C-alpha atoms as a PDB file:
ATOM      1  CA  MET A   1       0.027   0.026   0.031  1.00  0.00           C
ATOM      2  CA  ILE A   2       1.245   3.476  -0.937  1.00  0.00           C
ATOM      3  CA  PRO A   3       1.704   5.735   2.146  1.00  0.00           C
ATOM      4  CA  TYR A   4      -0.705   8.708   2.270  1.00  0.00           C
ATOM      5  CA  ILE A   5       2.039  11.338   1.889  1.00  0.00           C
ATOM      6  CA  GLN A   6       3.488   9.650  -1.174  1.00  0.00           C
ATOM      7  CA  LEU A   7      -0.028   9.121  -2.632  1.00  0.00           C
ATOM      8  CA  LYS A   8      -0.782  12.809  -2.083  1.00  0.00           C
ATOM      9  CA  GLU A   9       2.550  13.678  -3.968  1.00  0.00           C
ATOM     10  CA  VAL A  10       1.551  11.464  -6.857  1.00  0.00           C
ATOM     11  CA  ILE A  11      -1.835  13.124  -7.050  1.00  0.00           C
ATOM     12  CA  ASN A  12      -0.322  16.522  -6.929  1.00  0.00           C
ATOM     13  CA  SER A  13       2.229  15.676  -9.682  1.00  0.00           C
ATOM     14  CA  MET A  14      -0.603  14.556 -11.859  1.00  0.00           C
ATOM     15  CA  GLU A  15      -2.215  17.942 -11.402  1.00  0.00           C
ATOM     16  CA  THR A  16       0.851  19.852 -12.551  1.00  0.00           C
ATOM     17  CA  LEU A  17       1.014  20.658 -16.329  1.00  0.00           C
ATOM     18  CA  HIS A  18       3.865  21.673 -18.598  1.00  0.00           C
ATOM     19  CA  LEU A  19       2.557  23.304 -21.723  1.00  0.00           C
ATOM     20  CA  ASN A  20       3.697  24.860 -25.000  1.00  0.00           C
ATOM     21  CA  LEU A  21       1.815  27.945 -25.929  1.00  0.00           C
ATOM     22  CA  LYS A  22       1.642  29.222 -29.568  1.00  0.00           C
ATOM     23  CA  ILE A  23       0.336  32.723 -29.183  1.00  0.00           C
ATOM     24  CA  TRP A  24      -0.372  35.321 -31.816  1.00  0.00           C
ATOM     25  CA  ARG A  25       1.610  38.558 -31.237  1.00  0.00           C
ATOM     26  CA  GLN A  26       0.654  41.788 -33.139  1.00  0.00           C
ATOM     27  CA  ASP A  27       1.506  45.347 -32.252  1.00  0.00           C
ATOM     28  CA  GLY A  28      -1.638  46.813 -33.933  1.00  0.00           C
ATOM     29  CA  PRO A  29      -4.104  46.662 -36.835  1.00  0.00           C
ATOM     30  CA  ASN A  30      -1.472  47.672 -39.391  1.00  0.00           C
ATOM     31  CA  ASP A  31       1.155  45.151 -38.207  1.00  0.00           C
ATOM     32  CA  SER A  32       1.372  41.786 -39.942  1.00  0.00           C
ATOM     33  CA  GLY A  33       1.679  39.853 -36.742  1.00  0.00           C
ATOM     34  CA  LYS A  34       3.077  36.333 -36.123  1.00  0.00           C
ATOM     35  CA  PHE A  35       2.888  33.311 -33.775  1.00  0.00           C
ATOM     36  CA  GLU A  36       5.483  33.029 -31.028  1.00  0.00           C
ATOM     37  CA  LEU A  37       6.085  29.929 -28.930  1.00  0.00           C
ATOM     38  CA  TYR A  38       6.301  30.034 -25.093  1.00  0.00           C
ATOM     39  CA  LYS A  39       6.849  27.235 -22.580  1.00  0.00           C
ATOM     40  CA  VAL A  40       5.032  27.393 -19.220  1.00  0.00           C
ATOM     41  CA  ASN A  41       5.854  24.872 -16.493  1.00  0.00           C
ATOM     42  CA  ASP A  42       4.344  23.758 -13.189  1.00  0.00           C
ATOM     43  CA  LEU A  43       0.844  24.925 -13.908  1.00  0.00           C
ATOM     44  CA  ASN A  44      -1.866  23.857 -11.500  1.00  0.00           C
ATOM     45  CA  ALA A  45      -4.526  21.926 -13.377  1.00  0.00           C
ATOM     46  CA  HIS A  46      -7.235  23.778 -11.438  1.00  0.00           C
ATOM     47  CA  MET A  47      -6.123  27.199 -12.765  1.00  0.00           C
ATOM     48  CA  SER A  48      -8.421  28.991 -15.175  1.00  0.00           C
ATOM     49  CA  PHE A  49      -7.171  29.662 -18.676  1.00  0.00           C
ATOM     50  CA  LEU A  50      -6.730  33.300 -17.907  1.00  0.00           C
ATOM     51  CA  GLU A  51      -4.843  32.575 -14.729  1.00  0.00           C
ATOM     52  CA  MET A  52      -2.413  30.513 -16.793  1.00  0.00           C
ATOM     53  CA  LEU A  53      -1.897  33.516 -19.069  1.00  0.00           C
ATOM     54  CA  ASP A  54      -1.327  35.626 -15.920  1.00  0.00           C
ATOM     55  CA  VAL A  55       1.438  33.240 -14.949  1.00  0.00           C
ATOM     56  CA  LEU A  56       3.000  33.458 -18.380  1.00  0.00           C
ATOM     57  CA  ASN A  57       2.872  37.243 -18.291  1.00  0.00           C
ATOM     58  CA  GLU A  58       4.653  37.278 -14.866  1.00  0.00           C
ATOM     59  CA  GLN A  59       7.402  35.187 -16.418  1.00  0.00           C
ATOM     60  CA  LEU A  60       7.661  37.513 -19.456  1.00  0.00           C
ATOM     61  CA  ILE A  61       7.793  40.607 -17.240  1.00  0.00           C
ATOM     62  CA  GLU A  62      10.479  39.051 -14.851  1.00  0.00           C
ATOM     63  CA  SER A  63      12.603  38.269 -17.990  1.00  0.00           C
ATOM     64  CA  GLY A  64      12.199  41.768 -19.369  1.00  0.00           C
ATOM     65  CA  ASP A  65       9.885  40.728 -22.243  1.00  0.00           C
ATOM     66  CA  ILE A  66       6.623  42.481 -23.240  1.00  0.00           C
ATOM     67  CA  PRO A  67       3.625  40.809 -21.653  1.00  0.00           C
ATOM     68  CA  ILE A  68       0.729  39.380 -23.813  1.00  0.00           C
ATOM     69  CA  ALA A  69      -2.189  41.697 -24.152  1.00  0.00           C
ATOM     70  CA  PHE A  70      -5.566  39.993 -23.708  1.00  0.00           C
ATOM     71  CA  ASP A  71      -9.034  41.189 -22.759  1.00  0.00           C
ATOM     72  CA  HIS A  72     -10.662  40.277 -19.480  1.00  0.00           C
ATOM     73  CA  ASP A  73     -12.977  41.789 -16.846  1.00  0.00           C
ATOM     74  CA  CYS A  74     -15.483  39.810 -14.806  1.00  0.00           C
ATOM     75  CA  ARG A  75     -13.787  36.410 -15.151  1.00  0.00           C
ATOM     76  CA  GLU A  76     -17.244  34.932 -14.408  1.00  0.00           C
ATOM     77  CA  GLY A  77     -18.548  34.351 -17.883  1.00  0.00           C
ATOM     78  CA  ILE A  78     -20.959  37.296 -18.068  1.00  0.00           C
ATOM     79  CA  CYS A  79     -19.037  40.257 -19.574  1.00  0.00           C
ATOM     80  CA  GLY A  80     -17.954  38.785 -22.928  1.00  0.00           C
ATOM     81  CA  MET A  81     -14.464  40.359 -22.815  1.00  0.00           C
ATOM     82  CA  CYS A  82     -12.289  37.146 -22.893  1.00  0.00           C
ATOM     83  CA  SER A  83     -12.468  36.838 -26.636  1.00  0.00           C
ATOM     84  CA  MET A  84      -9.791  34.472 -28.004  1.00  0.00           C
ATOM     85  CA  VAL A  85      -9.657  31.432 -30.262  1.00  0.00           C
ATOM     86  CA  ILE A  86      -8.123  28.370 -28.539  1.00  0.00           C
ATOM     87  CA  ASN A  87      -6.988  25.511 -30.821  1.00  0.00           C
ATOM     88  CA  GLY A  88      -9.239  26.769 -33.541  1.00  0.00           C
ATOM     89  CA  LYS A  89     -12.326  27.113 -31.443  1.00  0.00           C
ATOM     90  CA  PRO A  90     -13.759  30.393 -30.012  1.00  0.00           C
ATOM     91  CA  HIS A  91     -13.524  30.254 -26.234  1.00  0.00           C
ATOM     92  CA  GLY A  92     -11.918  26.744 -26.398  1.00  0.00           C
ATOM     93  CA  PRO A  93     -12.987  23.120 -26.571  1.00  0.00           C
ATOM     94  CA  ILE A  94     -15.693  23.050 -23.859  1.00  0.00           C
ATOM     95  CA  LYS A  95     -19.224  23.741 -25.089  1.00  0.00           C
ATOM     96  CA  GLY A  96     -21.230  26.475 -23.426  1.00  0.00           C
ATOM     97  CA  THR A  97     -18.068  27.869 -21.690  1.00  0.00           C
ATOM     98  CA  THR A  98     -16.324  31.191 -21.965  1.00  0.00           C
ATOM     99  CA  THR A  99     -12.558  31.415 -21.974  1.00  0.00           C
ATOM    100  CA  CYS A 100     -12.426  32.660 -18.367  1.00  0.00           C
ATOM    101  CA  GLN A 101     -14.466  29.688 -17.240  1.00  0.00           C
ATOM    102  CA  LEU A 102     -12.169  27.206 -19.054  1.00  0.00           C
ATOM    103  CA  HIS A 103      -9.799  25.348 -16.777  1.00  0.00           C
ATOM    104  CA  MET A 104      -6.427  23.799 -17.382  1.00  0.00           C
ATOM    105  CA  ARG A 105      -7.548  20.364 -16.317  1.00  0.00           C
ATOM    106  CA  HIS A 106      -9.185  20.114 -19.785  1.00  0.00           C
ATOM    107  CA  PHE A 107      -5.682  19.990 -21.335  1.00  0.00           C
ATOM    108  CA  ILE A 108      -3.041  17.273 -21.204  1.00  0.00           C
ATOM    109  CA  ASP A 109       0.500  17.648 -19.882  1.00  0.00           C
ATOM    110  CA  GLY A 110       2.815  18.520 -22.817  1.00  0.00           C
ATOM    111  CA  ASP A 111       0.009  19.859 -25.031  1.00  0.00           C
ATOM    112  CA  THR A 112       0.705  22.634 -27.547  1.00  0.00           C
ATOM    113  CA  ILE A 113      -2.055  25.204 -27.302  1.00  0.00           C
ATOM    114  CA  THR A 114      -2.696  27.647 -30.094  1.00  0.00           C
ATOM    115  CA  ILE A 115      -4.154  30.972 -28.978  1.00  0.00           C
ATOM    116  CA  GLU A 116      -5.268  33.726 -31.415  1.00  0.00           C
ATOM    117  CA  PRO A 117      -7.690  36.660 -31.517  1.00  0.00           C
ATOM    118  CA  TRP A 118     -11.034  36.821 -33.229  1.00  0.00           C
ATOM    119  CA  ARG A 119     -10.506  36.870 -37.023  1.00  0.00           C
ATOM    120  CA  ALA A 120     -12.954  39.295 -38.666  1.00  0.00           C
ATOM    121  CA  THR A 121     -12.508  42.517 -40.564  1.00  0.00           C
ATOM    122  CA  SER A 122     -15.105  44.186 -38.297  1.00  0.00           C
ATOM    123  CA  PHE A 123     -12.973  43.246 -35.276  1.00  0.00           C
ATOM    124  CA  PRO A 124      -9.490  44.786 -36.022  1.00  0.00           C
ATOM    125  CA  VAL A 125      -6.659  43.690 -33.691  1.00  0.00           C
ATOM    126  CA  ILE A 126      -5.677  46.321 -31.204  1.00  0.00           C
ATOM    127  CA  LYS A 127      -2.722  44.400 -29.754  1.00  0.00           C
ATOM    128  CA  ASP A 128      -1.987  40.717 -29.532  1.00  0.00           C
ATOM    129  CA  LEU A 129      -5.228  38.945 -28.510  1.00  0.00           C
ATOM    130  CA  VAL A 130      -7.276  42.169 -27.993  1.00  0.00           C
ATOM    131  CA  VAL A 131      -9.714  43.155 -30.693  1.00  0.00           C
ATOM    132  CA  ASP A 132     -11.879  46.226 -31.210  1.00  0.00           C
ATOM    133  CA  ARG A 133     -15.433  45.139 -30.786  1.00  0.00           C
ATOM    134  CA  THR A 134     -16.983  48.643 -30.768  1.00  0.00           C
ATOM    135  CA  SER A 135     -18.851  47.759 -33.969  1.00  0.00           C
ATOM    136  CA  PHE A 136     -21.188  45.794 -31.749  1.00  0.00           C
ATOM    137  CA  ASP A 137     -21.688  48.961 -29.620  1.00  0.00           C
ATOM    138  CA  ARG A 138     -22.574  50.978 -32.754  1.00  0.00           C
ATOM    139  CA  ILE A 139     -25.230  48.294 -33.686  1.00  0.00           C
ATOM    140  CA  ILE A 140     -26.765  48.557 -30.277  1.00  0.00           C
ATOM    141  CA  GLN A 141     -26.767  52.366 -30.537  1.00  0.00           C
ATOM    142  CA  SER A 142     -28.655  52.151 -33.894  1.00  0.00           C
ATOM    143  CA  GLY A 143     -31.642  50.471 -32.257  1.00  0.00           C
ATOM    144  CA  GLY A 144     -31.041  48.236 -29.254  1.00  0.00           C
ATOM    145  CA  TYR A 145     -33.021  50.211 -26.792  1.00  0.00           C
ATOM    146  CA  ILE A 146     -36.587  51.112 -25.650  1.00  0.00           C
ATOM    147  CA  SER A 147     -38.345  54.320 -24.922  1.00  0.00           C
ATOM    148  CA  ALA A 148     -39.443  54.756 -21.283  1.00  0.00           C
ATOM    149  CA  ASN A 149     -41.403  57.493 -19.562  1.00  0.00           C
ATOM    150  CA  THR A 150     -39.616  59.344 -16.756  1.00  0.00           C
ATOM    151  CA  GLY A 151     -40.907  59.043 -13.221  1.00  0.00           C
ATOM    152  CA  SER A 152     -40.976  56.225 -10.646  1.00  0.00           C
ATOM    153  CA  ALA A 153     -40.423  52.685 -11.848  1.00  0.00           C
ATOM    154  CA  PRO A 154     -43.613  50.695 -12.459  1.00  0.00           C
ATOM    155  CA  ASP A 155     -44.353  47.606 -10.492  1.00  0.00           C
ATOM    156  CA  GLY A 156     -42.563  44.570 -11.847  1.00  0.00           C
ATOM    157  CA  ASN A 157     -45.836  42.577 -12.234  1.00  0.00           C
ATOM    158  CA  ALA A 158     -47.859  45.544 -13.690  1.00  0.00           C
ATOM    159  CA  ILE A 159     -47.581  44.114 -17.213  1.00  0.00           C
ATOM    160  CA  PRO A 160     -48.578  40.471 -17.512  1.00  0.00           C
ATOM    161  CA  ILE A 161     -46.308  38.432 -19.882  1.00  0.00           C
ATOM    162  CA  GLY A 162     -46.813  34.806 -20.705  1.00  0.00           C
ATOM    163  CA  LYS A 163     -44.260  32.324 -19.280  1.00  0.00           C
ATOM    164  CA  ASN A 164     -43.187  30.995 -22.635  1.00  0.00           C
ATOM    165  CA  ILE A 165     -42.763  34.520 -24.098  1.00  0.00           C
ATOM    166  CA  ALA A 166     -40.789  35.583 -20.980  1.00  0.00           C
ATOM    167  CA  GLU A 167     -38.506  32.536 -21.160  1.00  0.00           C
ATOM    168  CA  ASP A 168     -37.819  33.144 -24.880  1.00  0.00           C
ATOM    169  CA  ALA A 169     -36.936  36.827 -24.139  1.00  0.00           C
ATOM    170  CA  PHE A 170     -34.664  35.834 -21.261  1.00  0.00           C
ATOM    171  CA  ASP A 171     -32.921  33.151 -23.431  1.00  0.00           C
ATOM    172  CA  ALA A 172     -32.174  35.814 -26.045  1.00  0.00           C
ATOM    173  CA  ALA A 173     -31.086  38.279 -23.450  1.00  0.00           C
ATOM    174  CA  ALA A 174     -28.457  35.783 -22.159  1.00  0.00           C
ATOM    175  CA  CYS A 175     -26.213  36.950 -25.070  1.00  0.00           C
ATOM    176  CA  ILE A 176     -23.051  38.612 -23.752  1.00  0.00           C
ATOM    177  CA  GLY A 177     -21.957  40.174 -26.931  1.00  0.00           C
ATOM    178  CA  CYS A 178     -18.566  38.415 -26.933  1.00  0.00           C
ATOM    179  CA  GLY A 179     -18.398  37.984 -30.664  1.00  0.00           C
ATOM    180  CA  ALA A 180     -17.750  34.224 -30.706  1.00  0.00           C
ATOM    181  CA  CYS A 181     -20.529  33.910 -33.291  1.00  0.00           C
ATOM    182  CA  VAL A 182     -18.630  36.184 -35.638  1.00  0.00           C
ATOM    183  CA  ALA A 183     -15.304  34.413 -35.046  1.00  0.00           C
ATOM    184  CA  ALA A 184     -16.891  31.034 -35.663  1.00  0.00           C
ATOM    185  CA  CYS A 185     -18.809  32.024 -38.876  1.00  0.00           C
ATOM    186  CA  LYS A 186     -17.046  31.573 -42.179  1.00  0.00           C
ATOM    187  CA  ASN A 187     -18.807  34.740 -43.383  1.00  0.00           C
ATOM    188  CA  ALA A 188     -17.978  36.734 -40.156  1.00  0.00           C
ATOM    189  CA  SER A 189     -21.702  37.265 -39.750  1.00  0.00           C
ATOM    190  CA  ALA A 190     -23.100  38.973 -36.644  1.00  0.00           C
ATOM    191  CA  SER A 191     -26.647  37.711 -37.342  1.00  0.00           C
ATOM    192  CA  LEU A 192     -26.887  35.724 -34.132  1.00  0.00           C
ATOM    193  CA  PHE A 193     -25.778  38.681 -31.942  1.00  0.00           C
ATOM    194  CA  VAL A 194     -28.181  41.094 -33.733  1.00  0.00           C
ATOM    195  CA  ALA A 195     -31.021  38.526 -33.746  1.00  0.00           C
ATOM    196  CA  ALA A 196     -30.686  37.977 -29.961  1.00  0.00           C
ATOM    197  CA  LYS A 197     -30.825  41.718 -29.363  1.00  0.00           C
ATOM    198  CA  VAL A 198     -33.722  42.289 -31.720  1.00  0.00           C
ATOM    199  CA  SER A 199     -35.692  39.237 -30.442  1.00  0.00           C
ATOM    200  CA  GLN A 200     -35.346  40.025 -26.723  1.00  0.00           C
ATOM    201  CA  LEU A 201     -36.962  43.403 -27.196  1.00  0.00           C
ATOM    202  CA  ALA A 202     -39.520  42.388 -29.887  1.00  0.00           C
ATOM    203  CA  LEU A 203     -40.915  39.719 -27.569  1.00  0.00           C
ATOM    204  CA  LEU A 204     -41.703  42.048 -24.703  1.00  0.00           C
ATOM    205  CA  PRO A 205     -44.357  44.863 -24.423  1.00  0.00           C
ATOM    206  CA  GLN A 206     -41.722  47.404 -23.597  1.00  0.00           C
ATOM    207  CA  GLY A 207     -40.045  46.914 -26.879  1.00  0.00           C
ATOM    208  CA  GLN A 208     -43.108  47.373 -29.181  1.00  0.00           C
ATOM    209  CA  PRO A 209     -42.964  51.170 -29.900  1.00  0.00           C
ATOM    210  CA  GLU A 210     -39.674  50.883 -31.795  1.00  0.00           C
ATOM    211  CA  ARG A 211     -40.174  47.255 -32.937  1.00  0.00           C
ATOM    212  CA  GLY A 212     -40.227  47.840 -36.654  1.00  0.00           C
ATOM    213  CA  GLU A 213     -37.586  50.644 -36.904  1.00  0.00           C
ATOM    214  CA  ARG A 214     -35.318  48.708 -34.542  1.00  0.00           C
ATOM    215  CA  VAL A 215     -34.836  45.631 -36.769  1.00  0.00           C
ATOM    216  CA  LEU A 216     -34.350  47.780 -39.943  1.00  0.00           C
ATOM    217  CA  ASN A 217     -31.766  50.056 -38.253  1.00  0.00           C
ATOM    218  CA  MET A 218     -29.853  47.312 -36.549  1.00  0.00           C
ATOM    219  CA  VAL A 219     -29.668  44.981 -39.655  1.00  0.00           C
ATOM    220  CA  SER A 220     -28.641  47.989 -41.782  1.00  0.00           C
ATOM    221  CA  LYS A 221     -25.955  48.999 -39.284  1.00  0.00           C
ATOM    222  CA  MET A 222     -24.658  45.355 -39.261  1.00  0.00           C
ATOM    223  CA  ASP A 223     -24.122  45.645 -42.989  1.00  0.00           C
ATOM    224  CA  VAL A 224     -22.443  49.075 -42.709  1.00  0.00           C
ATOM    225  CA  GLU A 225     -20.049  47.696 -40.085  1.00  0.00           C
ATOM    226  CA  GLY A 226     -18.833  45.066 -42.616  1.00  0.00           C
ATOM    227  CA  PHE A 227     -20.203  41.878 -41.184  1.00  0.00           C
ATOM    228  CA  GLY A 228     -21.116  39.111 -43.627  1.00  0.00           C
ATOM    229  CA  HIS A 229     -24.432  37.484 -44.319  1.00  0.00           C
ATOM    230  CA  CYS A 230     -25.864  34.417 -42.637  1.00  0.00           C
ATOM    231  CA  THR A 231     -25.779  31.224 -44.699  1.00  0.00           C
ATOM    232  CA  ASN A 232     -27.335  28.943 -42.125  1.00  0.00           C
ATOM    233  CA  THR A 233     -24.295  26.775 -41.328  1.00  0.00           C
ATOM    234  CA  GLY A 234     -25.082  26.996 -37.614  1.00  0.00           C
ATOM    235  CA  SER A 235     -21.475  27.339 -36.454  1.00  0.00           C
ATOM    236  CA  CYS A 236     -22.470  30.414 -34.390  1.00  0.00           C
ATOM    237  CA  GLU A 237     -24.876  28.488 -32.209  1.00  0.00           C
ATOM    238  CA  ALA A 238     -22.337  25.577 -31.896  1.00  0.00           C
ATOM    239  CA  GLU A 239     -19.605  27.978 -30.543  1.00  0.00           C
ATOM    240  CA  CYS A 240     -21.822  30.411 -28.582  1.00  0.00           C
ATOM    241  CA  PRO A 241     -20.854  30.170 -24.891  1.00  0.00           C
ATOM    242  CA  LYS A 242     -24.465  31.001 -23.926  1.00  0.00           C
ATOM    243  CA  GLU A 243     -25.881  28.545 -26.481  1.00  0.00           C
ATOM    244  CA  ILE A 244     -28.160  31.113 -28.144  1.00  0.00           C
ATOM    245  CA  SER A 245     -30.334  29.317 -30.680  1.00  0.00           C
ATOM    246  CA  VAL A 246     -30.217  30.133 -34.466  1.00  0.00           C
ATOM    247  CA  ASP A 247     -34.037  30.133 -34.212  1.00  0.00           C
ATOM    248  CA  TYR A 248     -33.618  33.775 -33.179  1.00  0.00           C
ATOM    249  CA  ILE A 249     -32.161  34.487 -36.630  1.00  0.00           C
ATOM    250  CA  ARG A 250     -35.431  33.190 -38.072  1.00  0.00           C
ATOM    251  CA  LYS A 251     -37.193  35.541 -35.687  1.00  0.00           C
ATOM    252  CA  MET A 252     -35.108  38.577 -36.793  1.00  0.00           C
ATOM    253  CA  ASN A 253     -35.731  37.757 -40.479  1.00  0.00           C
ATOM    254  CA  TRP A 254     -39.511  37.481 -39.748  1.00  0.00           C
ATOM    255  CA  GLU A 255     -39.422  40.870 -37.934  1.00  0.00           C
ATOM    256  CA  PHE A 256     -37.436  42.418 -40.845  1.00  0.00           C
ATOM    257  CA  HIS A 257     -39.906  41.232 -43.482  1.00  0.00           C
ATOM    258  CA  ARG A 258     -42.916  42.140 -41.307  1.00  0.00           C
ATOM    259  CA  LYS A 259     -41.784  45.757 -41.118  1.00  0.00           C
ATOM    260  CA  ASN A 260     -41.069  45.829 -44.921  1.00  0.00           C
ATOM    261  CA  ILE A 261     -44.556  44.491 -45.680  1.00  0.00           C
ATOM    262  CA  LYS A 262     -46.343  46.775 -43.261  1.00  0.00           C
ATOM    263  CA  GLY A 263     -44.256  49.736 -44.160  1.00  0.00           C
END
């Protein structure tokens, strides 16, 4: 029988990873950029992916090198900032998981992990793994809002809304605007993002006053920002960390044609 102390050491050694990281480095949108290889040793398997990058950056700073720029904020899977492609998949290999929720135990000791930014003309690289996603902000500014009278807030239950409708609206509202749908799409289409924002407001009474103009303005702005068209491959839904359904794209198209017919 293995003594407890030795067994604990064996278990701990199994939880330590040594990885090769192939990371995209780029000084700005006009720089050609390139992959650079880094080695990181003695990583705890229970670290998050971003904590692993923190460890790498500490090593780079101590050695006098420039740390890797990457976006992050909440580290809880709700802000959408941690936008990076890991081994060819937006947010990594685990379905329904953002990069910040991905843990190193999902990788094998000695693995080579390729990390790169979103690849889309509408998301120009600012530096390394950081991309400019303000095109999403401009789409929201074009119509992703409602009109509300000033004064005290109405009672939460003052407007009755059916359970199924409320659930559909909440499912659409789960979108965190990370841009994984764009990164996964061969056309760099933002249709899933726009559809989620259009649908969550079109389903609720509060979104009815601007319902028609909203979908026209947001779809038009999506085209102006240079995003591609949807060709129903479904890769956006497959890679979405919040598992937003492509059925909302059908809803957006219905809303668009409804407004065009009604005028």
